[in-house]
């Protein structure tokens, strides 16, 4: 059951982050992120890291290849997103009373869970799977 749970978590996170990242192919998205980076004295070229964090890493997580690495990349990606774009929303609510960064926080926490727990056995390269010896301990 644990491995099935990891699969569900991986697939949910991966597909949602991937669909979130697809919007980053629009030129205005790249421009917006570049502006945010240079505003805090970071190189504008770091903007291409968004493709790593929102396209490549989710694909790795979905297929279960370097799952932990993909999870950690998404953690870093979401920390950047919150720090650069959503910092003023951390203690804010939407007009309907929801936490203003609930989507970003959810991506962050679930990415962290995937990074820590690994892929489970239903993956191209399983990790986080206990051997028979480890189960016996």
N, C-alpha and C. Protein backbone atom coordinates (compact mmCIF):
# COMPACT_ATOMS: atom_id res chain seq x y z
N UNK A 1 0.82 -1.20 0.00
CA UNK A 1 0.00 0.00 0.00
C UNK A 1 0.87 1.27 0.00
N UNK A 2 2.02 1.18 0.69
CA UNK A 2 2.92 2.34 0.77
C UNK A 2 3.43 2.73 -0.62
N UNK A 3 3.77 1.74 -1.43
CA UNK A 3 4.28 2.03 -2.77
C UNK A 3 3.19 2.62 -3.67
N UNK A 4 1.97 2.16 -3.51
CA UNK A 4 0.86 2.72 -4.28
C UNK A 4 0.63 4.18 -3.87
N UNK A 5 0.75 4.47 -2.60
CA UNK A 5 0.60 5.85 -2.11
C UNK A 5 1.68 6.75 -2.71
N UNK A 6 2.91 6.25 -2.75
CA UNK A 6 4.00 7.03 -3.35
C UNK A 6 3.74 7.27 -4.82
N UNK A 7 3.20 6.28 -5.52
CA UNK A 7 2.88 6.44 -6.93
C UNK A 7 1.82 7.52 -7.12
N UNK A 8 0.78 7.47 -6.33
CA UNK A 8 -0.31 8.46 -6.43
C UNK A 8 0.24 9.86 -6.14
N UNK A 9 1.06 9.98 -5.11
CA UNK A 9 1.67 11.26 -4.76
C UNK A 9 2.55 11.77 -5.90
N UNK A 10 3.39 10.89 -6.44
CA UNK A 10 4.28 11.27 -7.55
C UNK A 10 3.51 11.72 -8.78
N UNK A 11 2.52 10.93 -9.17
CA UNK A 11 1.76 11.25 -10.38
C UNK A 11 0.97 12.54 -10.21
N UNK A 12 0.35 12.71 -9.05
CA UNK A 12 -0.43 13.94 -8.79
C UNK A 12 0.46 15.17 -8.86
N UNK A 13 1.55 15.13 -8.11
CA UNK A 13 2.49 16.26 -8.11
C UNK A 13 3.05 16.49 -9.50
N UNK A 14 3.52 15.44 -10.13
CA UNK A 14 4.17 15.58 -11.43
C UNK A 14 3.27 16.18 -12.49
N UNK A 15 2.06 15.66 -12.61
CA UNK A 15 1.16 16.18 -13.65
C UNK A 15 0.69 17.59 -13.34
N UNK A 16 0.43 17.89 -12.06
CA UNK A 16 0.01 19.26 -11.73
C UNK A 16 1.13 20.27 -11.95
N UNK A 17 2.36 19.91 -11.53
CA UNK A 17 3.49 20.83 -11.72
C UNK A 17 3.79 20.99 -13.20
N UNK A 18 3.71 19.91 -13.96
CA UNK A 18 3.96 19.97 -15.39
C UNK A 18 2.94 20.88 -16.08
N UNK A 19 1.68 20.74 -15.73
CA UNK A 19 0.67 21.61 -16.34
C UNK A 19 0.86 23.06 -15.90
N UNK A 20 1.31 23.26 -14.67
CA UNK A 20 1.63 24.60 -14.17
C UNK A 20 2.80 25.19 -14.97
N UNK A 21 3.78 24.36 -15.27
CA UNK A 21 4.98 24.82 -15.97
C UNK A 21 4.77 25.08 -17.45
N UNK A 22 3.78 24.47 -18.06
CA UNK A 22 3.56 24.65 -19.49
C UNK A 22 3.31 26.12 -19.85
N UNK A 23 2.72 26.86 -18.95
CA UNK A 23 2.48 28.28 -19.18
C UNK A 23 3.75 29.11 -19.25
N UNK A 24 4.85 28.54 -18.79
CA UNK A 24 6.13 29.27 -18.79
C UNK A 24 6.75 29.36 -20.17
N UNK A 25 6.16 28.67 -21.16
CA UNK A 25 6.67 28.77 -22.53
C UNK A 25 6.25 30.08 -23.20
N UNK A 26 5.33 30.80 -22.59
CA UNK A 26 4.91 32.09 -23.14
C UNK A 26 6.02 33.11 -22.91
N UNK A 27 6.36 33.90 -23.93
CA UNK A 27 7.44 34.89 -23.79
C UNK A 27 7.23 35.85 -22.62
N UNK A 28 5.98 36.25 -22.37
CA UNK A 28 5.74 37.20 -21.27
C UNK A 28 6.04 36.57 -19.91
N UNK A 29 5.89 35.25 -19.79
CA UNK A 29 6.23 34.58 -18.52
C UNK A 29 7.73 34.64 -18.27
N UNK A 30 8.51 34.35 -19.30
CA UNK A 30 9.97 34.38 -19.17
C UNK A 30 10.44 35.80 -18.87
N UNK A 31 9.85 36.76 -19.53
CA UNK A 31 10.19 38.17 -19.29
C UNK A 31 9.89 38.56 -17.84
N UNK A 32 8.72 38.17 -17.36
CA UNK A 32 8.30 38.48 -15.99
C UNK A 32 9.28 37.90 -14.98
N UNK A 33 9.63 36.63 -15.16
CA UNK A 33 10.54 35.97 -14.22
C UNK A 33 11.94 36.58 -14.30
N UNK A 34 12.41 36.89 -15.51
CA UNK A 34 13.72 37.54 -15.68
C UNK A 34 13.77 38.86 -14.93
N UNK A 35 12.71 39.63 -15.02
CA UNK A 35 12.62 40.92 -14.33
C UNK A 35 12.70 40.72 -12.82
N UNK A 36 12.00 39.71 -12.31
CA UNK A 36 12.03 39.42 -10.87
C UNK A 36 13.44 39.02 -10.42
N UNK A 37 14.13 38.23 -11.24
CA UNK A 37 15.49 37.81 -10.89
C UNK A 37 16.45 38.98 -10.86
N UNK A 38 16.42 39.81 -11.89
CA UNK A 38 17.36 40.93 -11.94
C UNK A 38 17.04 41.97 -10.87
N UNK A 39 15.80 42.04 -10.43
CA UNK A 39 15.42 42.99 -9.37
C UNK A 39 16.11 42.66 -8.05
N UNK A 40 16.49 41.40 -7.86
CA UNK A 40 17.19 41.01 -6.64
C UNK A 40 18.65 40.64 -6.94
N UNK A 41 19.18 41.23 -8.02
CA UNK A 41 20.58 41.08 -8.42
C UNK A 41 21.00 39.64 -8.74
N UNK A 42 20.07 38.86 -9.27
CA UNK A 42 20.40 37.52 -9.76
C UNK A 42 20.47 37.57 -11.27
N UNK A 43 21.29 36.74 -11.88
CA UNK A 43 21.40 36.76 -13.35
C UNK A 43 20.09 36.35 -14.02
N UNK A 44 19.73 37.08 -15.05
CA UNK A 44 18.49 36.81 -15.79
C UNK A 44 18.50 35.40 -16.39
N UNK A 45 19.68 34.85 -16.64
CA UNK A 45 19.78 33.52 -17.24
C UNK A 45 19.21 32.42 -16.34
N UNK A 46 19.11 32.70 -15.06
CA UNK A 46 18.52 31.72 -14.14
C UNK A 46 17.06 31.43 -14.49
N UNK A 47 16.47 32.27 -15.33
CA UNK A 47 15.07 32.07 -15.73
C UNK A 47 14.87 30.69 -16.35
N UNK A 48 15.88 30.15 -16.99
CA UNK A 48 15.74 28.85 -17.63
C UNK A 48 15.67 27.72 -16.62
N UNK A 49 16.01 28.01 -15.39
CA UNK A 49 15.84 27.03 -14.31
C UNK A 49 14.38 26.68 -14.10
N UNK A 50 13.48 27.57 -14.50
CA UNK A 50 12.05 27.29 -14.36
C UNK A 50 11.67 26.08 -15.21
N UNK A 51 12.33 25.91 -16.35
CA UNK A 51 12.05 24.73 -17.18
C UNK A 51 12.54 23.46 -16.50
N UNK A 52 13.65 23.56 -15.82
CA UNK A 52 14.16 22.43 -15.07
C UNK A 52 13.19 22.06 -13.94
N UNK A 53 12.73 23.07 -13.21
CA UNK A 53 11.88 22.84 -12.05
C UNK A 53 10.42 22.55 -12.36
N UNK A 54 9.94 23.01 -13.52
CA UNK A 54 8.51 22.85 -13.81
C UNK A 54 8.21 22.00 -15.04
N UNK A 55 9.25 21.55 -15.74
CA UNK A 55 9.04 20.67 -16.89
C UNK A 55 9.86 19.38 -16.72
N UNK A 56 11.18 19.52 -16.60
CA UNK A 56 12.05 18.34 -16.53
C UNK A 56 11.84 17.57 -15.22
N UNK A 57 11.90 18.24 -14.09
CA UNK A 57 11.75 17.56 -12.79
C UNK A 57 10.39 16.85 -12.67
N UNK A 58 9.29 17.48 -13.06
CA UNK A 58 8.02 16.75 -12.98
C UNK A 58 7.99 15.49 -13.86
N UNK A 59 8.61 15.56 -15.03
CA UNK A 59 8.66 14.37 -15.89
C UNK A 59 9.46 13.26 -15.20
N UNK A 60 10.59 13.62 -14.59
CA UNK A 60 11.37 12.63 -13.85
C UNK A 60 10.55 12.01 -12.73
N UNK A 61 9.80 12.83 -12.02
CA UNK A 61 8.98 12.35 -10.91
C UNK A 61 7.86 11.45 -11.42
N UNK A 62 7.22 11.82 -12.51
CA UNK A 62 6.13 11.02 -13.07
C UNK A 62 6.62 9.63 -13.47
N UNK A 63 7.74 9.57 -14.16
CA UNK A 63 8.20 8.26 -14.64
C UNK A 63 9.00 7.50 -13.58
N UNK A 64 9.37 8.18 -12.51
CA UNK A 64 10.09 7.51 -11.44
C UNK A 64 11.56 7.29 -11.76
N UNK A 65 12.17 8.28 -12.35
CA UNK A 65 13.60 8.23 -12.68
C UNK A 65 14.27 9.41 -11.97
N UNK A 66 15.21 9.12 -11.10
CA UNK A 66 15.84 10.17 -10.27
C UNK A 66 14.75 10.97 -9.53
N UNK A 67 13.83 10.24 -8.95
CA UNK A 67 12.66 10.84 -8.30
C UNK A 67 13.04 11.81 -7.19
N UNK A 68 13.94 11.39 -6.34
CA UNK A 68 14.33 12.26 -5.22
C UNK A 68 14.97 13.55 -5.74
N UNK A 69 15.83 13.43 -6.72
CA UNK A 69 16.45 14.61 -7.31
C UNK A 69 15.37 15.53 -7.91
N UNK A 70 14.43 14.95 -8.64
CA UNK A 70 13.33 15.74 -9.21
C UNK A 70 12.54 16.45 -8.12
N UNK A 71 12.28 15.76 -7.02
CA UNK A 71 11.58 16.38 -5.89
C UNK A 71 12.35 17.55 -5.32
N UNK A 72 13.66 17.36 -5.12
CA UNK A 72 14.49 18.45 -4.57
C UNK A 72 14.56 19.64 -5.53
N UNK A 73 14.62 19.36 -6.82
CA UNK A 73 14.64 20.46 -7.80
C UNK A 73 13.34 21.26 -7.70
N UNK A 74 12.22 20.56 -7.54
CA UNK A 74 10.94 21.27 -7.42
C UNK A 74 10.84 22.04 -6.10
N UNK A 75 11.46 21.52 -5.04
CA UNK A 75 11.49 22.26 -3.77
C UNK A 75 12.22 23.58 -3.98
N UNK A 76 13.39 23.53 -4.59
CA UNK A 76 14.17 24.75 -4.84
C UNK A 76 13.38 25.70 -5.75
N UNK A 77 12.76 25.14 -6.79
CA UNK A 77 11.96 25.94 -7.71
C UNK A 77 10.84 26.68 -6.98
N UNK A 78 10.15 25.99 -6.08
CA UNK A 78 9.05 26.63 -5.37
C UNK A 78 9.55 27.65 -4.34
N UNK A 79 10.71 27.39 -3.74
CA UNK A 79 11.29 28.40 -2.83
C UNK A 79 11.61 29.68 -3.60
N UNK A 80 12.16 29.52 -4.81
CA UNK A 80 12.42 30.69 -5.66
C UNK A 80 11.11 31.39 -6.02
N UNK A 81 10.10 30.62 -6.41
CA UNK A 81 8.82 31.21 -6.81
C UNK A 81 8.20 31.99 -5.65
N UNK A 82 8.22 31.41 -4.48
CA UNK A 82 7.65 32.09 -3.31
C UNK A 82 8.48 33.32 -2.98
N UNK A 83 9.80 33.17 -2.98
CA UNK A 83 10.68 34.29 -2.63
C UNK A 83 10.64 35.43 -3.62
N UNK A 84 10.55 35.12 -4.91
CA UNK A 84 10.60 36.17 -5.93
C UNK A 84 9.24 36.79 -6.25
N UNK A 85 8.19 35.99 -6.21
CA UNK A 85 6.89 36.47 -6.69
C UNK A 85 5.83 36.57 -5.60
N UNK A 86 5.88 35.68 -4.62
CA UNK A 86 4.77 35.57 -3.68
C UNK A 86 5.11 35.98 -2.25
N UNK A 87 6.24 36.62 -2.05
CA UNK A 87 6.68 36.97 -0.70
C UNK A 87 5.63 37.82 0.03
N UNK A 88 5.02 38.74 -0.68
CA UNK A 88 4.02 39.62 -0.04
C UNK A 88 2.70 38.90 0.22
N UNK A 89 2.55 37.69 -0.30
CA UNK A 89 1.30 36.95 -0.13
C UNK A 89 1.36 35.92 1.00
N UNK A 90 2.51 35.76 1.63
CA UNK A 90 2.66 34.72 2.64
C UNK A 90 1.64 34.86 3.77
N UNK A 91 1.37 36.06 4.18
CA UNK A 91 0.41 36.27 5.27
C UNK A 91 -0.90 36.86 4.77
N UNK A 92 -1.18 36.66 3.48
CA UNK A 92 -2.38 37.24 2.87
C UNK A 92 -3.42 36.16 2.59
N UNK A 93 -4.66 36.61 2.51
CA UNK A 93 -5.77 35.75 2.13
C UNK A 93 -6.36 36.26 0.82
N UNK A 94 -6.98 35.36 0.09
CA UNK A 94 -7.66 35.78 -1.14
C UNK A 94 -8.99 36.43 -0.77
N UNK A 95 -9.69 36.92 -1.76
CA UNK A 95 -10.99 37.57 -1.49
C UNK A 95 -12.00 36.58 -0.92
N UNK A 96 -11.77 35.29 -1.12
CA UNK A 96 -12.68 34.27 -0.59
C UNK A 96 -12.19 33.69 0.73
N UNK A 97 -11.08 34.19 1.25
CA UNK A 97 -10.59 33.78 2.55
C UNK A 97 -9.57 32.65 2.54
N UNK A 98 -9.16 32.19 1.37
CA UNK A 98 -8.14 31.13 1.29
C UNK A 98 -6.75 31.74 1.42
N UNK A 99 -5.80 30.93 1.82
CA UNK A 99 -4.41 31.39 1.90
C UNK A 99 -3.95 31.73 0.50
N UNK A 100 -3.37 32.88 0.32
CA UNK A 100 -3.00 33.38 -1.01
C UNK A 100 -1.95 32.51 -1.71
N UNK A 101 -1.12 31.81 -0.97
CA UNK A 101 -0.10 30.97 -1.62
C UNK A 101 -0.35 29.48 -1.36
N UNK A 102 -1.60 29.10 -1.23
CA UNK A 102 -1.86 27.70 -0.93
C UNK A 102 -1.37 26.77 -2.03
N UNK A 103 -1.49 27.16 -3.29
CA UNK A 103 -1.00 26.31 -4.39
C UNK A 103 0.51 26.16 -4.31
N UNK A 104 1.22 27.26 -4.13
CA UNK A 104 2.68 27.22 -4.06
C UNK A 104 3.13 26.43 -2.83
N UNK A 105 2.46 26.62 -1.70
CA UNK A 105 2.81 25.89 -0.49
C UNK A 105 2.57 24.39 -0.66
N UNK A 106 1.47 24.05 -1.31
CA UNK A 106 1.18 22.64 -1.56
C UNK A 106 2.23 22.02 -2.47
N UNK A 107 2.60 22.71 -3.55
CA UNK A 107 3.67 22.21 -4.43
C UNK A 107 4.96 22.04 -3.63
N UNK A 108 5.27 22.98 -2.77
CA UNK A 108 6.50 22.92 -1.98
C UNK A 108 6.49 21.71 -1.04
N UNK A 109 5.43 21.54 -0.29
CA UNK A 109 5.37 20.48 0.72
C UNK A 109 5.31 19.09 0.06
N UNK A 110 4.54 18.95 -0.99
CA UNK A 110 4.44 17.65 -1.65
C UNK A 110 5.77 17.32 -2.37
N UNK A 111 6.42 18.32 -2.93
CA UNK A 111 7.75 18.10 -3.53
C UNK A 111 8.74 17.62 -2.48
N UNK A 112 8.66 18.22 -1.31
CA UNK A 112 9.53 17.81 -0.20
C UNK A 112 9.23 16.36 0.19
N UNK A 113 7.96 16.00 0.26
CA UNK A 113 7.59 14.63 0.60
C UNK A 113 8.14 13.64 -0.43
N UNK A 114 8.01 13.96 -1.71
CA UNK A 114 8.53 13.09 -2.77
C UNK A 114 10.05 12.99 -2.67
N UNK A 115 10.71 14.11 -2.40
CA UNK A 115 12.17 14.11 -2.27
C UNK A 115 12.62 13.22 -1.11
N UNK A 116 11.89 13.24 -0.03
CA UNK A 116 12.26 12.47 1.16
C UNK A 116 11.88 10.99 1.02
N UNK A 117 10.66 10.71 0.56
CA UNK A 117 10.16 9.33 0.52
C UNK A 117 10.62 8.54 -0.70
N UNK A 118 10.98 9.22 -1.78
CA UNK A 118 11.41 8.52 -2.98
C UNK A 118 10.25 8.02 -3.82
N UNK A 119 10.58 7.19 -4.79
CA UNK A 119 9.60 6.78 -5.80
C UNK A 119 8.71 5.63 -5.39
N UNK A 120 9.18 4.78 -4.51
CA UNK A 120 8.47 3.52 -4.29
C UNK A 120 8.83 2.55 -5.40
N UNK A 121 8.21 1.38 -5.38
CA UNK A 121 8.61 0.35 -6.34
C UNK A 121 8.03 0.52 -7.73
N UNK A 122 6.99 1.32 -7.89
CA UNK A 122 6.37 1.52 -9.20
C UNK A 122 7.05 2.67 -9.93
N UNK A 123 8.25 2.43 -10.38
CA UNK A 123 9.06 3.47 -11.01
C UNK A 123 10.07 2.84 -11.95
N UNK A 124 10.56 3.62 -12.89
CA UNK A 124 11.61 3.13 -13.77
C UNK A 124 12.85 2.78 -12.95
N UNK A 125 13.20 3.66 -12.02
CA UNK A 125 14.34 3.41 -11.14
C UNK A 125 13.84 3.57 -9.70
N UNK A 126 13.35 2.48 -9.11
CA UNK A 126 12.77 2.57 -7.77
C UNK A 126 13.79 3.00 -6.72
N UNK A 127 13.34 3.84 -5.82
CA UNK A 127 14.13 4.15 -4.62
C UNK A 127 13.15 4.33 -3.47
N UNK A 128 13.67 4.29 -2.28
CA UNK A 128 12.79 4.38 -1.13
C UNK A 128 12.08 3.07 -0.86
N UNK A 129 12.53 1.98 -1.50
CA UNK A 129 11.94 0.66 -1.32
C UNK A 129 12.82 -0.11 -0.34
N UNK A 130 12.22 -0.62 0.71
CA UNK A 130 12.98 -1.37 1.70
C UNK A 130 13.27 -2.78 1.19
N UNK A 131 14.50 -3.22 1.45
CA UNK A 131 14.86 -4.60 1.10
C UNK A 131 14.25 -5.52 2.14
N UNK A 132 14.27 -6.81 1.88
CA UNK A 132 13.73 -7.79 2.81
C UNK A 132 14.45 -7.72 4.15
N UNK A 133 15.77 -7.47 4.10
CA UNK A 133 16.55 -7.36 5.33
C UNK A 133 16.14 -6.14 6.15
N UNK A 134 15.90 -5.01 5.46
CA UNK A 134 15.48 -3.79 6.15
C UNK A 134 14.11 -3.95 6.78
N UNK A 135 13.22 -4.68 6.09
CA UNK A 135 11.88 -4.92 6.63
C UNK A 135 11.92 -5.78 7.87
N UNK A 136 12.88 -6.70 7.93
CA UNK A 136 13.00 -7.61 9.05
C UNK A 136 13.52 -6.92 10.31
N UNK A 137 14.21 -5.81 10.15
CA UNK A 137 14.81 -5.12 11.31
C UNK A 137 13.79 -4.42 12.14
